[in-house]
Amino acid sequence: MSSYFTDLAQQYIDGEWRPGTGSWDIIDFNPYDGEKLASITIATADEVDDAYRAAERAQKKWGATNAYARRAVFEKALAVIDEREAEIAEVIIAELGGTRLKAAFEMHLVREFLRESIQLALRPEGKIIPSPVDGKENRLYRVPVGVVGVISPFNFPFLLSVKSVAPALALGNAVVLKPHQNTPIAGGSLVAKIFEDAGLPGGLLNVVITDIAEIGDAFIEHPVPKVISFTGSDKVGRHVATVCAANFKRSVLELGGNSALVVLEDADIDYAVDAAVFSRYVHQGQVCMAANRVLVDRSIEAEFTEKFVAKVRTLKTGDPSDPLTVIGPVINSSQADALSSVVEQAIAEGGTALLHGSTTDNLVEPSVLTGVPADSDLLRQEIFGPVVFLVPFDGEEEAVRIANDTPYGLSGAVHTADIERGVNFAKQIDTGMFHVNDGTVHDEPLVPFGGEKHSGIGRLNGETTVDAFTTTKWISVQHGRSRFPF
């Protein structure tokens, strides 16, 4: 077991590692074998206040620091990750049940976002705006918001913490990070340790490991943070947005999805099968962009289905530390039970299980379902695990209607031999992202990432990150003399 689970099982506040003072502990378990990885005494609302106040104090100097000097921290953070790649991979495998392939994929993306943060420090630009008043100069400055609160999820905790933390810091802000209770190390204290060792001054990044049962809404209600960046379910996201609005804060919300991967009749079927299997089963399907639904033109349904089920059968379920494993454990027993209930409900509603995976503890084997009634709620909700619905359609118009028939609008994909046909199809789908002849699971540092409908508010990555974590300040200069009416 990595020493990180013993060394980092603490809060990180104002540049110091310290135990929480709550009355109970968060127990960090390995979801594959149930091994206890760490016991962390939770932070109280007082410690959340300590973290935010430390961030507020540290931010003033950091925000005034030359942007070129800030970049050095991120360059060193990249070197730290390279030096400790094997240890970090073990944390991802042990704490969230990620396979070795998934761990490598997550670290690759973390590096890409850190590289972008190096450039992001220099991205904010000011403007001079014309004025109708003689002698007046209007200057627009891009300035840090001050302090950003980040709440990260359990599925890609290392990436989705760094994805907000690094840009916010690069743009001159301080950060308080609250990781998910199931991934306090990968999503929290590991990130703090990397930046500490990279030379980030104390107080600029604080990590509080806690639970709403202890602190309530203290993390998002606190008066110091001006922006809350939340990644998680739409149910919790709605609450975060409501509390933020009531307290005059901005929220950036990356929420759930119910993506459709659509296979038109002229698609390369073998390629579409590969894309669909990856899009559904990467990290056990615990991905907001995962293809919950695979829509197939009825004229090719039989061939596609046969090949799809055959490929899914080859996916090995088991120990995530085994390099051959594709499907590791889901995050906890409640998630495993919920997935079993989905399959049972689909069959009870008249669906057919072309592949009915068994569940052993947190290991949920893949299931492939078809024939679920068109009015079933199962086709409209997010399914966070290795369960997929195959849905036939007759023609593009029906495919568009089915793809849009969900309260979510995050990602999606279409496969066709005609690229422009695919682009035209993509334009009709109410999502923040859509991909032609590819999978549904993508994230890139420069491209705006986010969803429509219940899938979120706002965007991250590239210029949209600058919008998220800075604010515009107007300073006018009167070079002559203004005339006043009295």
Protein backbone atom coordinates (compact mmCIF):
# COMPACT_ATOMS: atom_id res chain seq x y z
CA MET A 1 0.00 0.00 0.00
CA SER A 2 1.30 3.44 -0.92
CA SER A 3 2.72 5.50 1.94
CA TYR A 4 0.47 8.31 0.71
CA PHE A 5 -2.44 6.69 2.54
CA THR A 6 -0.67 7.06 5.88
CA ASP A 7 1.30 10.25 5.26
CA LEU A 8 -1.52 12.25 3.66
CA ALA A 9 -4.51 11.19 5.77
CA GLN A 10 -4.83 14.71 7.16
CA GLN A 11 -6.17 18.16 6.44
CA TYR A 12 -3.90 20.63 4.65
CA ILE A 13 -4.56 24.18 5.85
CA ASP A 14 -2.36 27.27 5.62
CA GLY A 15 0.63 25.23 4.48
CA GLU A 16 0.43 22.77 7.39
CA TRP A 17 -0.64 19.14 7.62
CA ARG A 18 -2.92 18.70 10.59
CA PRO A 19 -5.65 16.36 11.83
CA GLY A 20 -9.27 17.38 11.70
CA THR A 21 -11.09 18.08 14.94
CA GLY A 22 -14.44 16.56 14.03
CA SER A 23 -16.06 13.89 16.15
CA TRP A 24 -15.81 11.08 13.61
CA ASP A 25 -13.56 9.70 10.90
CA ILE A 26 -13.93 9.15 7.18
CA ILE A 27 -12.72 5.63 6.45
CA ASP A 28 -11.07 5.29 3.06
CA PHE A 29 -11.63 1.79 1.62
CA ASN A 30 -10.28 -0.01 -1.42
CA PRO A 31 -13.47 -0.72 -3.42
CA TYR A 32 -12.03 -3.94 -4.87
CA ASP A 33 -11.00 -5.88 -1.76
CA GLY A 34 -12.41 -3.77 1.07
CA GLU A 35 -8.98 -3.05 2.57
CA LYS A 36 -8.91 -0.05 4.87
CA LEU A 37 -6.56 2.46 3.27
CA ALA A 38 -6.79 5.36 5.70
CA SER A 39 -8.77 6.87 8.53
CA ILE A 40 -9.16 10.65 8.40
CA THR A 41 -10.72 12.72 11.16
CA ILE A 42 -13.04 15.12 9.39
CA ALA A 43 -12.72 18.88 9.23
CA THR A 44 -15.30 21.00 11.04
CA ALA A 45 -16.90 24.24 9.88
CA ASP A 46 -14.25 26.06 11.92
CA GLU A 47 -11.51 24.40 9.89
CA VAL A 48 -13.31 25.27 6.67
CA ASP A 49 -13.22 28.86 7.92
CA ASP A 50 -9.51 28.52 8.74
CA ALA A 51 -8.84 27.28 5.21
CA TYR A 52 -10.75 30.07 3.52
CA ARG A 53 -9.19 32.75 5.73
CA ALA A 54 -5.70 31.38 4.99
CA ALA A 55 -6.49 31.42 1.28
CA GLU A 56 -7.74 34.99 1.51
CA ARG A 57 -4.54 36.14 3.23
CA ALA A 58 -2.20 34.33 0.85
CA GLN A 59 -3.98 35.39 -2.32
CA LYS A 60 -3.14 39.09 -2.10
CA LYS A 61 0.59 38.57 -2.60
CA TRP A 62 0.11 35.72 -5.08
CA GLY A 63 -2.28 37.77 -7.21
CA ALA A 64 0.33 40.55 -7.39
CA THR A 65 3.12 38.11 -8.29
CA ASN A 66 4.49 38.31 -11.83
CA ALA A 67 2.68 35.77 -14.00
CA TYR A 68 6.00 34.47 -15.33
CA ALA A 69 7.07 33.67 -11.78
CA ARG A 70 3.80 31.84 -11.07
CA ARG A 71 4.45 29.54 -14.02
CA ALA A 72 7.48 27.98 -12.33
CA VAL A 73 5.25 26.21 -9.79
CA PHE A 74 3.37 24.36 -12.51
CA GLU A 75 6.53 23.39 -14.33
CA LYS A 76 7.83 21.86 -11.10
CA ALA A 77 4.48 20.13 -10.44
CA LEU A 78 4.83 18.38 -13.78
CA ALA A 79 8.29 17.16 -12.76
CA VAL A 80 6.95 15.90 -9.42
CA ILE A 81 4.26 13.86 -11.20
CA ASP A 82 6.84 12.39 -13.57
CA GLU A 83 9.04 11.41 -10.63
CA ARG A 84 6.18 9.74 -8.73
CA GLU A 85 4.16 8.31 -11.58
CA ALA A 86 4.18 4.74 -10.24
CA GLU A 87 3.09 5.81 -6.75
CA ILE A 88 0.29 8.01 -8.07
CA ALA A 89 -0.95 5.18 -10.28
CA GLU A 90 -1.15 2.90 -7.24
CA VAL A 91 -3.24 5.49 -5.41
CA ILE A 92 -5.72 5.68 -8.31
CA ILE A 93 -5.92 1.90 -8.55
CA ALA A 94 -6.32 1.32 -4.82
CA GLU A 95 -8.61 4.19 -3.85
CA LEU A 96 -11.09 4.33 -6.72
CA GLY A 97 -10.70 0.96 -8.39
CA GLY A 98 -9.26 2.42 -11.56
CA THR A 99 -7.57 -0.01 -13.90
CA ARG A 100 -3.94 0.49 -14.88
CA LEU A 101 -5.13 1.78 -18.26
CA LYS A 102 -7.43 4.26 -16.53
CA ALA A 103 -4.70 5.43 -14.16
CA ALA A 104 -2.36 6.09 -17.08
CA PHE A 105 -5.14 7.92 -18.96
CA GLU A 106 -5.95 10.10 -15.96
CA MET A 107 -2.31 11.04 -15.35
CA HIS A 108 -1.88 11.86 -19.05
CA LEU A 109 -4.76 14.31 -18.88
CA VAL A 110 -3.49 15.83 -15.63
CA ARG A 111 -0.17 16.54 -17.33
CA GLU A 112 -1.95 18.13 -20.29
CA PHE A 113 -3.97 20.43 -18.04
CA LEU A 114 -0.88 21.39 -16.03
CA ARG A 115 0.93 22.27 -19.26
CA GLU A 116 -2.00 24.45 -20.24
CA SER A 117 -1.91 26.12 -16.82
CA ILE A 118 1.68 27.16 -17.49
CA GLN A 119 0.39 29.11 -20.49
CA LEU A 120 -2.82 30.18 -18.76
CA ALA A 121 -0.90 32.34 -16.32
CA LEU A 122 -0.10 34.64 -19.25
CA ARG A 123 -3.51 34.45 -20.91
CA PRO A 124 -5.52 37.30 -19.30
CA GLU A 125 -5.39 40.42 -21.46
CA GLY A 126 -6.67 43.91 -20.82
CA LYS A 127 -8.38 46.24 -23.26
CA ILE A 128 -8.71 49.93 -23.98
CA ILE A 129 -12.33 50.76 -24.84
CA PRO A 130 -13.33 53.97 -26.67
CA SER A 131 -15.37 56.52 -24.72
CA PRO A 132 -17.92 59.08 -25.95
CA VAL A 133 -16.47 61.49 -23.37
CA ASP A 134 -13.61 63.68 -24.55
CA GLY A 135 -10.33 62.96 -22.82
CA LYS A 136 -11.53 59.77 -21.17
CA GLU A 137 -9.64 56.48 -21.40
CA ASN A 138 -11.48 53.29 -20.45
CA ARG A 139 -9.26 50.45 -19.32
CA LEU A 140 -10.56 46.92 -18.78
CA TYR A 141 -8.46 44.71 -16.54
CA ARG A 142 -8.76 40.95 -16.09
CA VAL A 143 -8.18 40.29 -12.38
CA PRO A 144 -8.39 37.16 -10.20
CA VAL A 145 -11.70 36.60 -8.44
CA GLY A 146 -9.72 36.05 -5.23
CA VAL A 147 -10.56 32.66 -3.72
CA VAL A 148 -12.14 29.68 -5.50
CA GLY A 149 -13.84 26.76 -3.76
CA VAL A 150 -13.49 23.44 -5.61
CA ILE A 151 -15.61 20.33 -4.96
CA SER A 152 -14.40 17.29 -6.89
CA PRO A 153 -16.02 13.87 -7.58
CA PHE A 154 -14.89 10.28 -7.06
CA ASN A 155 -14.63 9.02 -10.64
CA PHE A 156 -11.65 11.05 -11.97
CA PRO A 157 -10.65 12.73 -8.70
CA PHE A 158 -7.03 13.53 -9.51
CA LEU A 159 -7.88 15.03 -12.90
CA LEU A 160 -11.05 16.84 -11.92
CA SER A 161 -9.42 18.43 -8.89
CA VAL A 162 -6.36 19.56 -10.85
CA LYS A 163 -8.55 20.76 -13.73
CA SER A 164 -10.00 23.53 -11.53
CA VAL A 165 -7.23 23.94 -8.96
CA ALA A 166 -4.34 24.50 -11.38
CA PRO A 167 -5.99 27.10 -13.63
CA ALA A 168 -7.44 28.97 -10.66
CA LEU A 169 -3.96 29.19 -9.11
CA ALA A 170 -2.31 30.06 -12.42
CA LEU A 171 -4.70 32.98 -12.84
CA GLY A 172 -3.68 34.42 -9.47
CA ASN A 173 -6.33 32.99 -7.17
CA ALA A 174 -6.09 30.91 -4.00
CA VAL A 175 -8.09 27.70 -3.65
CA VAL A 176 -9.84 25.61 -1.03
CA LEU A 177 -10.47 22.06 -2.25
CA LYS A 178 -13.01 19.62 -0.86
CA PRO A 179 -12.53 16.15 -2.38
CA HIS A 180 -15.21 13.45 -2.44
CA GLN A 181 -15.35 11.35 0.74
CA ASN A 182 -14.61 8.17 -1.24
CA THR A 183 -11.42 9.61 -2.77
CA PRO A 184 -9.87 11.97 -0.19
CA ILE A 185 -6.28 11.16 -1.16
CA ALA A 186 -6.38 11.03 -4.98
CA GLY A 187 -8.74 13.98 -5.17
CA GLY A 188 -7.42 16.03 -2.27
CA SER A 189 -4.29 15.60 -0.21
CA LEU A 190 -2.28 14.12 -3.10
CA VAL A 191 -2.92 17.29 -5.09
CA ALA A 192 -1.84 19.40 -2.11
CA LYS A 193 1.35 17.37 -1.65
CA ILE A 194 2.32 17.77 -5.32
CA PHE A 195 1.90 21.53 -5.20
CA GLU A 196 3.61 21.79 -1.82
CA ASP A 197 6.63 19.96 -3.20
CA ALA A 198 6.48 22.13 -6.32
CA GLY A 199 7.04 25.20 -4.16
CA LEU A 200 3.56 26.70 -3.99
CA PRO A 201 3.52 29.14 -1.04
CA GLY A 202 1.53 28.01 1.98
CA GLY A 203 -2.10 29.05 2.21
CA LEU A 204 -2.70 29.24 -1.54
CA LEU A 205 -4.04 25.68 -1.74
CA ASN A 206 -5.93 24.22 1.19
CA VAL A 207 -7.63 20.82 1.36
CA VAL A 208 -10.49 20.08 3.74
CA ILE A 209 -11.64 16.47 3.98
CA THR A 210 -15.13 16.53 5.44
CA ASP A 211 -18.80 15.73 4.95
CA ILE A 212 -21.96 17.82 4.71
CA ALA A 213 -23.27 15.87 7.72
CA GLU A 214 -20.63 17.78 9.68
CA ILE A 215 -20.39 21.17 7.94
CA GLY A 216 -23.75 21.56 6.17
CA ASP A 217 -23.45 24.28 3.54
CA ALA A 218 -20.51 26.01 5.22
CA PHE A 219 -18.17 25.30 2.29
CA ILE A 220 -20.35 27.07 -0.26
CA GLU A 221 -21.97 29.68 1.99
CA HIS A 222 -18.69 31.01 3.34
CA PRO A 223 -18.22 34.70 2.48
CA VAL A 224 -14.64 34.39 1.19
CA PRO A 225 -14.93 32.32 -2.03
CA LYS A 226 -16.33 34.19 -5.02
CA VAL A 227 -16.61 31.15 -7.30
CA ILE A 228 -17.53 27.54 -6.53
CA SER A 229 -16.45 24.94 -9.09
CA PHE A 230 -18.46 21.76 -8.57
CA THR A 231 -18.35 18.44 -10.40
CA GLY A 232 -20.93 15.82 -9.46
CA SER A 233 -24.60 14.88 -9.75
CA ASP A 234 -27.28 17.22 -11.04
CA LYS A 235 -29.22 16.80 -7.79
CA VAL A 236 -26.36 18.13 -5.68
CA GLY A 237 -25.43 20.62 -8.40
CA ARG A 238 -28.89 22.17 -8.22
CA HIS A 239 -28.41 22.70 -4.48
CA VAL A 240 -24.92 24.16 -4.97
CA ALA A 241 -26.25 26.59 -7.59
CA THR A 242 -29.14 27.64 -5.34
CA VAL A 243 -26.90 28.34 -2.36
CA CYS A 244 -24.37 30.17 -4.53
CA ALA A 245 -27.05 32.37 -6.06
CA ALA A 246 -28.46 33.19 -2.62
CA ASN A 247 -24.99 34.28 -1.54
CA PHE A 248 -24.11 36.19 -4.73
CA LYS A 249 -21.44 33.76 -5.88
CA ARG A 250 -20.72 32.40 -9.31
CA SER A 251 -20.95 28.65 -9.79
CA VAL A 252 -19.33 26.50 -12.46
CA LEU A 253 -21.21 23.21 -12.59
CA GLU A 254 -20.09 20.09 -14.46
CA LEU A 255 -22.90 17.63 -13.82
CA GLY A 256 -24.27 14.33 -15.07
CA GLY A 257 -25.00 13.06 -18.54
CA ASN A 258 -27.00 10.56 -20.55
CA SER A 259 -25.03 10.56 -23.77
CA ALA A 260 -26.16 8.82 -26.92
CA LEU A 261 -23.77 7.25 -29.40
CA VAL A 262 -25.65 7.11 -32.70
CA VAL A 263 -24.81 4.68 -35.50
CA LEU A 264 -26.28 5.65 -38.88
CA GLU A 265 -26.86 3.09 -41.60
CA ASP A 266 -23.73 4.06 -43.58
CA ALA A 267 -21.33 3.81 -40.63
CA ASP A 268 -18.24 1.63 -40.40
CA ILE A 269 -19.85 -0.94 -38.11
CA ASP A 270 -16.69 -2.49 -36.70
CA TYR A 271 -15.27 0.92 -35.86
CA ALA A 272 -18.56 2.06 -34.35
CA VAL A 273 -18.61 -1.04 -32.15
CA ASP A 274 -15.13 -0.24 -30.83
CA ALA A 275 -16.10 3.37 -30.14
CA ALA A 276 -19.35 2.37 -28.43
CA VAL A 277 -17.74 -0.25 -26.18
CA PHE A 278 -15.08 2.20 -25.04
CA SER A 279 -17.63 5.00 -24.60
CA ARG A 280 -19.78 2.88 -22.31
CA TYR A 281 -17.29 0.79 -20.35
CA VAL A 282 -14.27 3.03 -19.74
CA HIS A 283 -13.73 3.18 -15.96
CA GLN A 284 -16.68 0.83 -15.40
CA GLY A 285 -19.00 3.37 -17.04
CA GLN A 286 -18.48 5.79 -14.14
CA VAL A 287 -17.94 8.74 -16.47
CA CYS A 288 -20.32 11.65 -16.96
CA MET A 289 -19.74 11.54 -20.75
CA ALA A 290 -20.23 7.77 -21.04
CA ALA A 291 -22.65 6.48 -23.68
CA ASN A 292 -25.62 5.29 -21.64
CA ARG A 293 -27.54 4.69 -24.85
CA VAL A 294 -26.32 3.28 -28.15
CA LEU A 295 -28.76 4.18 -30.93
CA VAL A 296 -28.53 2.01 -34.05
CA ASP A 297 -30.32 2.32 -37.38
CA ARG A 298 -32.69 -0.64 -37.64
CA SER A 299 -31.24 -1.68 -41.01
CA ILE A 300 -27.91 -2.56 -39.36
CA GLU A 301 -29.19 -3.39 -35.88
CA ALA A 302 -28.68 -7.15 -36.12
CA GLU A 303 -25.07 -6.99 -37.33
CA PHE A 304 -24.09 -4.21 -34.92
CA THR A 305 -25.72 -5.92 -31.94
CA GLU A 306 -24.03 -9.24 -32.60
CA LYS A 307 -20.60 -7.64 -32.86
CA PHE A 308 -21.18 -5.30 -29.92
CA VAL A 309 -22.23 -8.08 -27.53
CA ALA A 310 -19.36 -10.28 -28.69
CA LYS A 311 -16.82 -7.56 -27.92
CA VAL A 312 -18.34 -6.75 -24.53
CA ARG A 313 -18.07 -10.45 -23.60
CA THR A 314 -14.29 -10.17 -23.99
CA LEU A 315 -13.94 -7.42 -21.36
CA LYS A 316 -12.26 -8.85 -18.29
CA THR A 317 -13.82 -7.91 -14.95
CA GLY A 318 -11.70 -8.19 -11.82
CA ASP A 319 -8.67 -6.88 -9.96
CA PRO A 320 -7.88 -3.38 -11.26
CA SER A 321 -4.18 -3.89 -10.55
CA ASP A 322 -4.11 -6.67 -13.18
CA PRO A 323 -3.00 -5.07 -16.49
CA LEU A 324 -5.51 -7.27 -18.36
CA THR A 325 -8.51 -6.02 -16.37
CA VAL A 326 -10.84 -3.66 -18.24
CA ILE A 327 -13.73 -3.55 -15.74
CA GLY A 328 -12.71 -2.92 -12.16
CA PRO A 329 -15.02 -2.33 -9.17
CA VAL A 330 -17.56 0.44 -8.94
CA ILE A 331 -16.92 2.90 -6.14
CA ASN A 332 -19.08 1.36 -3.38
CA SER A 333 -21.80 -1.16 -2.53
CA SER A 334 -24.69 1.30 -2.90
CA GLN A 335 -23.58 1.99 -6.46
CA ALA A 336 -23.35 -1.75 -7.17
CA ASP A 337 -26.84 -2.32 -5.73
CA ALA A 338 -28.26 0.55 -7.77
CA LEU A 339 -26.89 -0.94 -10.99
CA SER A 340 -28.37 -4.35 -10.21
CA SER A 341 -31.71 -2.64 -9.65
CA VAL A 342 -31.47 -0.92 -13.04
CA VAL A 343 -31.03 -4.25 -14.83
CA GLU A 344 -33.86 -5.85 -12.86
CA GLN A 345 -36.18 -2.93 -13.58
CA ALA A 346 -35.35 -2.99 -17.29
CA ILE A 347 -36.22 -6.68 -17.51
CA ALA A 348 -39.40 -6.18 -15.45
CA GLU A 349 -40.49 -3.46 -17.90
CA GLY A 350 -40.15 -5.88 -20.83
CA GLY A 351 -36.53 -5.40 -21.81
CA THR A 352 -34.18 -8.20 -22.78
CA ALA A 353 -30.73 -8.76 -21.33
CA LEU A 354 -28.51 -9.78 -24.23
CA LEU A 355 -25.76 -9.94 -21.64
CA HIS A 356 -26.67 -10.11 -17.94
CA GLY A 357 -23.58 -9.51 -15.84
CA SER A 358 -23.42 -10.77 -12.29
CA THR A 359 -22.53 -8.65 -9.25
CA THR A 360 -20.04 -9.77 -6.62
CA ASP A 361 -19.41 -7.20 -3.90
CA ASN A 362 -18.43 -4.08 -5.89
CA LEU A 363 -17.56 -5.95 -9.08
CA VAL A 364 -20.36 -5.42 -11.58
CA GLU A 365 -19.97 -7.32 -14.82
CA PRO A 366 -21.19 -5.65 -18.03
CA SER A 367 -24.86 -5.87 -19.00
CA VAL A 368 -26.33 -5.14 -22.43
CA LEU A 369 -30.05 -4.43 -22.55
CA THR A 370 -32.45 -3.99 -25.45
CA GLY A 371 -36.17 -3.73 -25.95
CA VAL A 372 -36.70 -1.37 -23.03
CA PRO A 373 -39.96 0.54 -23.63
CA ALA A 374 -39.52 3.97 -25.20
CA ASP A 375 -41.32 5.65 -22.30
CA SER A 376 -39.09 4.07 -19.62
CA ASP A 377 -37.44 6.50 -17.23
CA LEU A 378 -34.33 4.33 -17.45
CA LEU A 379 -33.63 5.71 -20.93
CA ARG A 380 -33.66 9.29 -19.65
CA GLN A 381 -31.58 9.07 -16.48
CA GLU A 382 -27.85 8.78 -15.93
CA ILE A 383 -26.62 5.22 -15.39
CA PHE A 384 -23.24 5.38 -13.66
CA GLY A 385 -21.86 1.92 -14.34
CA PRO A 386 -21.31 -0.87 -16.89
CA VAL A 387 -24.92 -1.12 -18.12
CA VAL A 388 -25.93 -0.04 -21.63
CA PHE A 389 -29.19 0.27 -23.57
CA LEU A 390 -29.28 -0.58 -27.27
CA VAL A 391 -32.06 1.38 -28.98
CA PRO A 392 -33.05 0.92 -32.66
CA PHE A 393 -34.36 3.81 -34.76
CA ASP A 394 -35.79 4.36 -38.23
CA GLY A 395 -34.06 7.26 -39.94
CA GLU A 396 -32.19 10.35 -38.78
CA GLU A 397 -35.22 12.31 -37.63
CA GLU A 398 -36.17 9.64 -35.13
CA ALA A 399 -32.53 9.32 -34.01
CA VAL A 400 -32.40 13.05 -33.25
CA ARG A 401 -35.64 12.88 -31.29
CA ILE A 402 -34.48 9.90 -29.20
CA ALA A 403 -31.02 11.40 -28.57
CA ASN A 404 -32.61 14.61 -27.27
CA ASP A 405 -35.23 12.82 -25.17
CA THR A 406 -33.42 13.25 -21.86
CA PRO A 407 -33.04 16.07 -19.33
CA TYR A 408 -29.27 15.89 -19.81
CA GLY A 409 -27.12 17.42 -22.54
CA LEU A 410 -23.43 16.80 -21.99
CA SER A 411 -21.83 14.77 -24.77
CA GLY A 412 -22.61 12.37 -27.59
CA ALA A 413 -21.34 10.94 -30.86
CA VAL A 414 -22.54 9.94 -34.31
CA HIS A 415 -21.00 7.50 -36.77
CA THR A 416 -21.47 7.94 -40.51
CA ALA A 417 -19.51 7.67 -43.77
CA ASP A 418 -20.48 11.28 -44.60
CA ILE A 419 -18.63 13.75 -42.36
CA GLU A 420 -20.89 16.72 -43.16
CA ARG A 421 -23.96 14.59 -42.56
CA GLY A 422 -22.51 13.85 -39.15
CA VAL A 423 -21.84 17.53 -38.43
CA ASN A 424 -25.39 18.43 -39.47
CA PHE A 425 -26.69 15.70 -37.15
CA ALA A 426 -24.53 16.98 -34.29
CA LYS A 427 -25.94 20.50 -34.67
CA GLN A 428 -29.42 19.15 -33.90
CA ILE A 429 -28.50 17.56 -30.57
CA ASP A 430 -28.94 19.68 -27.45
CA THR A 431 -25.54 19.07 -25.86
CA GLY A 432 -22.50 21.10 -24.97
CA MET A 433 -20.23 18.68 -26.85
CA PHE A 434 -20.72 16.20 -29.69
CA HIS A 435 -18.28 14.10 -31.70
CA VAL A 436 -18.39 12.80 -35.27
CA ASN A 437 -16.93 9.34 -35.86
CA ASP A 438 -15.45 9.01 -32.41
CA GLY A 439 -16.37 8.10 -28.85
CA THR A 440 -18.38 10.20 -26.41
CA VAL A 441 -15.61 10.52 -23.79
CA HIS A 442 -13.22 13.39 -24.55
CA ASP A 443 -11.59 16.27 -22.72
CA GLU A 444 -8.93 18.62 -24.07
CA PRO A 445 -7.21 21.58 -22.38
CA LEU A 446 -8.13 24.23 -24.97
CA VAL A 447 -11.69 23.25 -25.90
CA PRO A 448 -14.67 24.53 -23.85
CA PHE A 449 -15.97 21.64 -21.72
CA GLY A 450 -19.48 21.65 -20.28
CA GLY A 451 -23.10 20.77 -20.84
CA GLU A 452 -26.60 22.04 -21.51
CA LYS A 453 -29.88 21.36 -19.67
CA HIS A 454 -29.30 19.42 -16.43
CA SER A 455 -25.68 18.72 -17.38
CA GLY A 456 -24.38 21.94 -15.98
CA ILE A 457 -23.75 25.65 -16.16
CA GLY A 458 -20.62 27.29 -17.51
CA ARG A 459 -17.54 25.93 -19.23
CA LEU A 460 -13.95 25.11 -18.34
CA ASN A 461 -10.74 24.78 -20.41
CA GLY A 462 -8.86 27.36 -22.43
CA GLU A 463 -10.34 30.85 -22.63
CA THR A 464 -13.49 29.74 -20.83
CA THR A 465 -11.38 28.97 -17.76
CA VAL A 466 -10.16 32.56 -17.80
CA ASP A 467 -13.80 33.65 -17.82
CA ALA A 468 -14.60 31.27 -14.94
CA PHE A 469 -11.81 32.25 -12.55
CA THR A 470 -11.26 35.94 -13.27
CA THR A 471 -13.45 39.01 -13.32
CA THR A 472 -13.41 42.18 -15.41
CA LYS A 473 -12.64 45.52 -13.77
CA TRP A 474 -13.27 48.86 -15.47
CA ILE A 475 -10.91 51.68 -14.58
CA SER A 476 -11.41 54.98 -16.36
CA VAL A 477 -8.90 57.80 -16.58
CA GLN A 478 -10.00 61.36 -17.35
CA HIS A 479 -7.06 63.08 -19.02
CA GLY A 480 -8.88 66.39 -19.34
CA ARG A 481 -11.58 67.80 -17.07
CA SER A 482 -15.12 66.46 -16.85
CA ARG A 483 -18.07 68.86 -16.86
CA PHE A 484 -20.62 68.28 -14.14
CA PRO A 485 -24.24 69.51 -14.24
CA PHE A 486 -24.06 70.99 -10.73
